[in-house]
């Protein structure tokens, strides 16, 4: 359906919900959940507070939608990495994707899923718990992939998939924190390379 041309009588031109959600995601990514005030959000989204609540519900619901968009967009490298043929390729792709995503010039540095609500007041506790669950889900996915690698003989039989997955995800989250602190992409890549030098091989 075509949008109404300006000047015609009828409902005002509606905003683009997809673009508004993209803008909200970037605000949460840059400012964190509690730092992203309603005023900052609506200004970035180009809509009124009434329109924001009508379209997305409250701020917490908007954040949940923004996190979904982040997972399916900037953070989609993670799901793709799990499809790599070997555990080492998986780890390499996860760290490379983390470095790339957390240091893009046109985006906020760091990771929405890591720094969105590391600390939170009472009103933000649900979002903090949401992000803890988001990170734990990522860890479990890697653990399951590494368990398959052990079962298939791609990793040594004595390998602890849970410990290896915790090592990798903790390092990846650390990269995100360093990126947000201003460490440049080249240095982070060198850190990632160093972390993989002692990868367990069969």
C-alpha atoms as a PDB file:
ATOM      1  CA  UNK A   1       0.000   0.000   0.000  1.00  0.00           C
ATOM      2  CA  UNK A   2       1.405   3.369  -0.945  1.00  0.00           C
ATOM      3  CA  UNK A   3       1.768   6.024   1.690  1.00  0.00           C
ATOM      4  CA  UNK A   4      -0.491   9.025   1.409  1.00  0.00           C
ATOM      5  CA  UNK A   5       0.986  11.986  -0.345  1.00  0.00           C
ATOM      6  CA  UNK A   6       1.570  15.012   1.815  1.00  0.00           C
ATOM      7  CA  UNK A   7      -1.208  17.542   1.726  1.00  0.00           C
ATOM      8  CA  UNK A   8      -4.037  15.019   1.403  1.00  0.00           C
ATOM      9  CA  UNK A   9      -6.677  14.875   4.074  1.00  0.00           C
ATOM     10  CA  UNK A  10      -6.507  11.777   6.261  1.00  0.00           C
ATOM     11  CA  UNK A  11      -4.279  10.166   8.828  1.00  0.00           C
ATOM     12  CA  UNK A  12      -0.802  11.660   9.219  1.00  0.00           C
ATOM     13  CA  UNK A  13       1.992   9.813   7.486  1.00  0.00           C
ATOM     14  CA  UNK A  14       3.025   6.908   9.710  1.00  0.00           C
ATOM     15  CA  UNK A  15       6.613   6.420  10.817  1.00  0.00           C
ATOM     16  CA  UNK A  16       8.690   3.490   9.637  1.00  0.00           C
ATOM     17  CA  UNK A  17       8.622   1.052  12.574  1.00  0.00           C
ATOM     18  CA  UNK A  18      11.634  -0.848  11.260  1.00  0.00           C
ATOM     19  CA  UNK A  19      13.771   2.281  11.042  1.00  0.00           C
ATOM     20  CA  UNK A  20      12.551   3.416  14.453  1.00  0.00           C
ATOM     21  CA  UNK A  21      13.544   0.076  15.994  1.00  0.00           C
ATOM     22  CA  UNK A  22      16.964   0.272  14.343  1.00  0.00           C
ATOM     23  CA  UNK A  23      17.450   3.717  15.877  1.00  0.00           C
ATOM     24  CA  UNK A  24      16.337   2.471  19.294  1.00  0.00           C
ATOM     25  CA  UNK A  25      18.781  -0.429  19.083  1.00  0.00           C
ATOM     26  CA  UNK A  26      21.655   1.972  18.405  1.00  0.00           C
ATOM     27  CA  UNK A  27      20.641   4.181  21.331  1.00  0.00           C
ATOM     28  CA  UNK A  28      20.506   1.233  23.748  1.00  0.00           C
ATOM     29  CA  UNK A  29      23.802  -0.026  22.330  1.00  0.00           C
ATOM     30  CA  UNK A  30      25.488   3.306  22.950  1.00  0.00           C
ATOM     31  CA  UNK A  31      23.892   4.360  26.230  1.00  0.00           C
ATOM     32  CA  UNK A  32      22.833   1.112  27.883  1.00  0.00           C
ATOM     33  CA  UNK A  33      19.311   0.456  29.121  1.00  0.00           C
ATOM     34  CA  UNK A  34      19.172   2.943  31.966  1.00  0.00           C
ATOM     35  CA  UNK A  35      21.236   5.565  30.149  1.00  0.00           C
ATOM     36  CA  UNK A  36      18.786   5.571  27.243  1.00  0.00           C
ATOM     37  CA  UNK A  37      16.153   8.000  28.439  1.00  0.00           C
ATOM     38  CA  UNK A  38      12.764   8.243  26.805  1.00  0.00           C
ATOM     39  CA  UNK A  39      13.750  11.658  25.454  1.00  0.00           C
ATOM     40  CA  UNK A  40      16.916  10.291  23.824  1.00  0.00           C
ATOM     41  CA  UNK A  41      15.013   7.323  22.395  1.00  0.00           C
ATOM     42  CA  UNK A  42      12.125   9.291  20.921  1.00  0.00           C
ATOM     43  CA  UNK A  43      14.458  11.920  19.499  1.00  0.00           C
ATOM     44  CA  UNK A  44      16.543   9.257  17.759  1.00  0.00           C
ATOM     45  CA  UNK A  45      13.450   7.384  16.579  1.00  0.00           C
ATOM     46  CA  UNK A  46      11.831  10.571  15.301  1.00  0.00           C
ATOM     47  CA  UNK A  47       8.534   9.889  17.054  1.00  0.00           C
ATOM     48  CA  UNK A  48       6.584  11.121  20.046  1.00  0.00           C
ATOM     49  CA  UNK A  49       6.488   9.343  23.382  1.00  0.00           C
ATOM     50  CA  UNK A  50       2.854   8.446  22.704  1.00  0.00           C
ATOM     51  CA  UNK A  51       3.752   6.868  19.374  1.00  0.00           C
ATOM     52  CA  UNK A  52       6.643   4.950  20.914  1.00  0.00           C
ATOM     53  CA  UNK A  53       4.438   3.414  23.593  1.00  0.00           C
ATOM     54  CA  UNK A  54       1.660   2.697  21.119  1.00  0.00           C
ATOM     55  CA  UNK A  55       4.001   0.917  18.720  1.00  0.00           C
ATOM     56  CA  UNK A  56       6.381  -0.872  21.061  1.00  0.00           C
ATOM     57  CA  UNK A  57       4.868  -0.871  24.537  1.00  0.00           C
ATOM     58  CA  UNK A  58       6.992   0.337  27.436  1.00  0.00           C
ATOM     59  CA  UNK A  59      10.745   0.907  27.480  1.00  0.00           C
ATOM     60  CA  UNK A  60      11.500  -2.642  28.627  1.00  0.00           C
ATOM     61  CA  UNK A  61       9.481  -4.140  25.764  1.00  0.00           C
ATOM     62  CA  UNK A  62      11.244  -1.823  23.329  1.00  0.00           C
ATOM     63  CA  UNK A  63      14.594  -3.004  24.673  1.00  0.00           C
ATOM     64  CA  UNK A  64      13.586  -6.637  24.205  1.00  0.00           C
ATOM     65  CA  UNK A  65      12.697  -5.900  20.587  1.00  0.00           C
ATOM     66  CA  UNK A  66      15.986  -4.040  20.150  1.00  0.00           C
ATOM     67  CA  UNK A  67      17.939  -6.982  21.572  1.00  0.00           C
ATOM     68  CA  UNK A  68      16.184  -9.332  19.136  1.00  0.00           C
ATOM     69  CA  UNK A  69      17.161  -7.020  16.300  1.00  0.00           C
ATOM     70  CA  UNK A  70      20.732  -6.914  17.550  1.00  0.00           C
ATOM     71  CA  UNK A  71      20.860 -10.724  17.748  1.00  0.00           C
ATOM     72  CA  UNK A  72      19.509 -11.126  14.221  1.00  0.00           C
ATOM     73  CA  UNK A  73      21.549  -8.237  12.800  1.00  0.00           C
ATOM     74  CA  UNK A  74      24.941  -7.092  14.157  1.00  0.00           C
ATOM     75  CA  UNK A  75      25.342 -10.231  16.290  1.00  0.00           C
ATOM     76  CA  UNK A  76      24.200 -12.707  13.608  1.00  0.00           C
ATOM     77  CA  UNK A  77      27.825 -13.723  13.065  1.00  0.00           C
ATOM     78  CA  UNK A  78      27.522 -15.819  16.240  1.00  0.00           C
ATOM     79  CA  UNK A  79      24.897 -18.211  14.870  1.00  0.00           C
ATOM     80  CA  UNK A  80      26.779 -18.461  11.585  1.00  0.00           C
ATOM     81  CA  UNK A  81      30.013 -19.280  13.414  1.00  0.00           C
ATOM     82  CA  UNK A  82      28.409 -22.298  15.068  1.00  0.00           C
ATOM     83  CA  UNK A  83      27.925 -23.799  11.611  1.00  0.00           C
ATOM     84  CA  UNK A  84      31.667 -23.817  10.863  1.00  0.00           C
ATOM     85  CA  UNK A  85      33.074 -27.306  10.175  1.00  0.00           C
ATOM     86  CA  UNK A  86      35.528 -27.543  13.087  1.00  0.00           C
ATOM     87  CA  UNK A  87      35.669 -26.273  16.658  1.00  0.00           C
ATOM     88  CA  UNK A  88      38.719 -24.174  15.841  1.00  0.00           C
ATOM     89  CA  UNK A  89      36.891 -22.593  12.905  1.00  0.00           C
ATOM     90  CA  UNK A  90      33.945 -21.915  15.232  1.00  0.00           C
ATOM     91  CA  UNK A  91      36.166 -20.204  17.790  1.00  0.00           C
ATOM     92  CA  UNK A  92      38.021 -18.229  15.131  1.00  0.00           C
ATOM     93  CA  UNK A  93      34.764 -17.023  13.563  1.00  0.00           C
ATOM     94  CA  UNK A  94      33.276 -16.025  16.918  1.00  0.00           C
ATOM     95  CA  UNK A  95      36.305 -13.966  17.930  1.00  0.00           C
ATOM     96  CA  UNK A  96      36.686 -12.415  14.480  1.00  0.00           C
ATOM     97  CA  UNK A  97      32.995 -11.521  14.440  1.00  0.00           C
ATOM     98  CA  UNK A  98      33.217 -10.046  17.927  1.00  0.00           C
ATOM     99  CA  UNK A  99      36.175  -7.857  16.992  1.00  0.00           C
ATOM    100  CA  UNK A 100      34.516  -6.744  13.764  1.00  0.00           C
ATOM    101  CA  UNK A 101      31.119  -5.975  15.311  1.00  0.00           C
ATOM    102  CA  UNK A 102      32.377  -4.210  18.420  1.00  0.00           C
ATOM    103  CA  UNK A 103      34.694  -1.862  16.508  1.00  0.00           C
ATOM    104  CA  UNK A 104      32.622  -0.789  13.489  1.00  0.00           C
ATOM    105  CA  UNK A 105      33.201   2.918  12.810  1.00  0.00           C
ATOM    106  CA  UNK A 106      29.525   3.642  12.106  1.00  0.00           C
ATOM    107  CA  UNK A 107      28.198   1.838  15.189  1.00  0.00           C
ATOM    108  CA  UNK A 108      28.662   2.155  18.940  1.00  0.00           C
ATOM    109  CA  UNK A 109      31.681   0.222  20.172  1.00  0.00           C
ATOM    110  CA  UNK A 110      31.262  -2.708  22.501  1.00  0.00           C
ATOM    111  CA  UNK A 111      28.367  -5.166  22.683  1.00  0.00           C
ATOM    112  CA  UNK A 112      24.738  -4.423  23.509  1.00  0.00           C
ATOM    113  CA  UNK A 113      24.364  -7.852  25.101  1.00  0.00           C
ATOM    114  CA  UNK A 114      27.356  -7.333  27.384  1.00  0.00           C
ATOM    115  CA  UNK A 115      27.146  -3.690  28.428  1.00  0.00           C
ATOM    116  CA  UNK A 116      23.430  -3.011  28.046  1.00  0.00           C
ATOM    117  CA  UNK A 117      22.790  -3.528  31.760  1.00  0.00           C
ATOM    118  CA  UNK A 118      25.808  -4.831  33.672  1.00  0.00           C
ATOM    119  CA  UNK A 119      24.413  -2.998  36.659  1.00  0.00           C
ATOM    120  CA  UNK A 120      20.837  -1.896  37.066  1.00  0.00           C
ATOM    121  CA  UNK A 121      18.521  -0.312  39.588  1.00  0.00           C
ATOM    122  CA  UNK A 122      15.319  -2.036  40.644  1.00  0.00           C
ATOM    123  CA  UNK A 123      13.464  -0.836  37.574  1.00  0.00           C
ATOM    124  CA  UNK A 124      16.123  -2.269  35.272  1.00  0.00           C
ATOM    125  CA  UNK A 125      16.576  -5.616  36.999  1.00  0.00           C
ATOM    126  CA  UNK A 126      14.415  -7.472  34.474  1.00  0.00           C
ATOM    127  CA  UNK A 127      16.611  -6.222  31.634  1.00  0.00           C
ATOM    128  CA  UNK A 128      19.767  -7.171  33.524  1.00  0.00           C
ATOM    129  CA  UNK A 129      18.352 -10.681  33.978  1.00  0.00           C
ATOM    130  CA  UNK A 130      17.397 -10.766  30.295  1.00  0.00           C
ATOM    131  CA  UNK A 131      20.973 -10.023  29.244  1.00  0.00           C
ATOM    132  CA  UNK A 132      22.395 -12.578  31.662  1.00  0.00           C
ATOM    133  CA  UNK A 133      20.103 -15.152  30.056  1.00  0.00           C
ATOM    134  CA  UNK A 134      21.151 -13.927  26.588  1.00  0.00           C
ATOM    135  CA  UNK A 135      24.826 -14.437  27.401  1.00  0.00           C
ATOM    136  CA  UNK A 136      24.191 -17.798  29.067  1.00  0.00           C
ATOM    137  CA  UNK A 137      22.296 -18.953  25.992  1.00  0.00           C
ATOM    138  CA  UNK A 138      25.292 -18.078  23.848  1.00  0.00           C
ATOM    139  CA  UNK A 139      27.534 -20.049  26.177  1.00  0.00           C
ATOM    140  CA  UNK A 140      25.256 -23.105  26.054  1.00  0.00           C
ATOM    141  CA  UNK A 141      25.173 -23.036  22.266  1.00  0.00           C
ATOM    142  CA  UNK A 142      28.969 -23.041  22.131  1.00  0.00           C
ATOM    143  CA  UNK A 143      29.164 -25.781  24.758  1.00  0.00           C
ATOM    144  CA  UNK A 144      26.820 -27.986  22.740  1.00  0.00           C
ATOM    145  CA  UNK A 145      28.824 -27.347  19.573  1.00  0.00           C
ATOM    146  CA  UNK A 146      32.091 -28.244  21.327  1.00  0.00           C
ATOM    147  CA  UNK A 147      30.514 -31.373  22.809  1.00  0.00           C
ATOM    148  CA  UNK A 148      29.673 -32.426  19.259  1.00  0.00           C
ATOM    149  CA  UNK A 149      33.266 -31.702  18.274  1.00  0.00           C
ATOM    150  CA  UNK A 150      34.475 -34.043  21.043  1.00  0.00           C
ATOM    151  CA  UNK A 151      31.992 -36.736  20.005  1.00  0.00           C
ATOM    152  CA  UNK A 152      33.117 -36.468  16.382  1.00  0.00           C
ATOM    153  CA  UNK A 153      36.809 -36.589  17.234  1.00  0.00           C
ATOM    154  CA  UNK A 154      37.440 -32.992  16.219  1.00  0.00           C
ATOM    155  CA  UNK A 155      38.542 -32.145  19.774  1.00  0.00           C
ATOM    156  CA  UNK A 156      40.631 -34.423  22.036  1.00  0.00           C
ATOM    157  CA  UNK A 157      38.472 -36.816  24.117  1.00  0.00           C
ATOM    158  CA  UNK A 158      39.731 -35.314  27.390  1.00  0.00           C
ATOM    159  CA  UNK A 159      38.483 -31.852  26.414  1.00  0.00           C
ATOM    160  CA  UNK A 160      35.924 -30.285  28.770  1.00  0.00           C
ATOM    161  CA  UNK A 161      33.424 -28.672  26.352  1.00  0.00           C
ATOM    162  CA  UNK A 162      31.892 -26.533  29.073  1.00  0.00           C
ATOM    163  CA  UNK A 163      35.215 -25.143  30.242  1.00  0.00           C
ATOM    164  CA  UNK A 164      36.373 -24.482  26.680  1.00  0.00           C
ATOM    165  CA  UNK A 165      33.087 -22.764  25.841  1.00  0.00           C
ATOM    166  CA  UNK A 166      33.343 -20.637  28.999  1.00  0.00           C
ATOM    167  CA  UNK A 167      36.888 -19.661  28.078  1.00  0.00           C
ATOM    168  CA  UNK A 168      35.894 -18.641  24.570  1.00  0.00           C
ATOM    169  CA  UNK A 169      32.749 -16.700  25.490  1.00  0.00           C
ATOM    170  CA  UNK A 170      34.451 -14.959  28.414  1.00  0.00           C
ATOM    171  CA  UNK A 171      37.266 -13.890  26.115  1.00  0.00           C
ATOM    172  CA  UNK A 172      34.793 -12.690  23.479  1.00  0.00           C
ATOM    173  CA  UNK A 173      32.899 -10.627  26.058  1.00  0.00           C
ATOM    174  CA  UNK A 174      36.219  -9.227  27.264  1.00  0.00           C
ATOM    175  CA  UNK A 175      36.995  -8.126  23.711  1.00  0.00           C
ATOM    176  CA  UNK A 176      33.676  -6.252  23.685  1.00  0.00           C
ATOM    177  CA  UNK A 177      34.533  -4.446  26.921  1.00  0.00           C
ATOM    178  CA  UNK A 178      37.993  -3.533  25.615  1.00  0.00           C
ATOM    179  CA  UNK A 179      36.478  -2.258  22.362  1.00  0.00           C
ATOM    180  CA  UNK A 180      34.089  -0.045  24.317  1.00  0.00           C
ATOM    181  CA  UNK A 181      37.094   1.274  26.232  1.00  0.00           C
ATOM    182  CA  UNK A 182      38.749   2.387  23.006  1.00  0.00           C
ATOM    183  CA  UNK A 183      41.174  -0.460  22.244  1.00  0.00           C
ATOM    184  CA  UNK A 184      41.597  -0.493  18.466  1.00  0.00           C
ATOM    185  CA  UNK A 185      40.657  -3.278  16.071  1.00  0.00           C
ATOM    186  CA  UNK A 186      44.206  -4.332  15.187  1.00  0.00           C
ATOM    187  CA  UNK A 187      45.168  -4.837  18.820  1.00  0.00           C
ATOM    188  CA  UNK A 188      41.981  -6.800  19.497  1.00  0.00           C
ATOM    189  CA  UNK A 189      42.700  -9.040  16.507  1.00  0.00           C
ATOM    190  CA  UNK A 190      46.166  -9.758  17.893  1.00  0.00           C
ATOM    191  CA  UNK A 191      44.594 -10.626  21.246  1.00  0.00           C
ATOM    192  CA  UNK A 192      42.174 -13.014  19.525  1.00  0.00           C
ATOM    193  CA  UNK A 193      45.020 -14.658  17.602  1.00  0.00           C
ATOM    194  CA  UNK A 194      46.991 -15.115  20.825  1.00  0.00           C
ATOM    195  CA  UNK A 195      43.997 -16.681  22.553  1.00  0.00           C
ATOM    196  CA  UNK A 196      43.751 -19.368  19.868  1.00  0.00           C
ATOM    197  CA  UNK A 197      47.426 -20.327  19.696  1.00  0.00           C
ATOM    198  CA  UNK A 198      47.074 -23.063  22.289  1.00  0.00           C
ATOM    199  CA  UNK A 199      43.818 -24.448  20.945  1.00  0.00           C
ATOM    200  CA  UNK A 200      43.454 -28.172  21.777  1.00  0.00           C
ATOM    201  CA  UNK A 201      44.185 -30.244  18.685  1.00  0.00           C
ATOM    202  CA  UNK A 202      43.676 -33.954  18.157  1.00  0.00           C
END
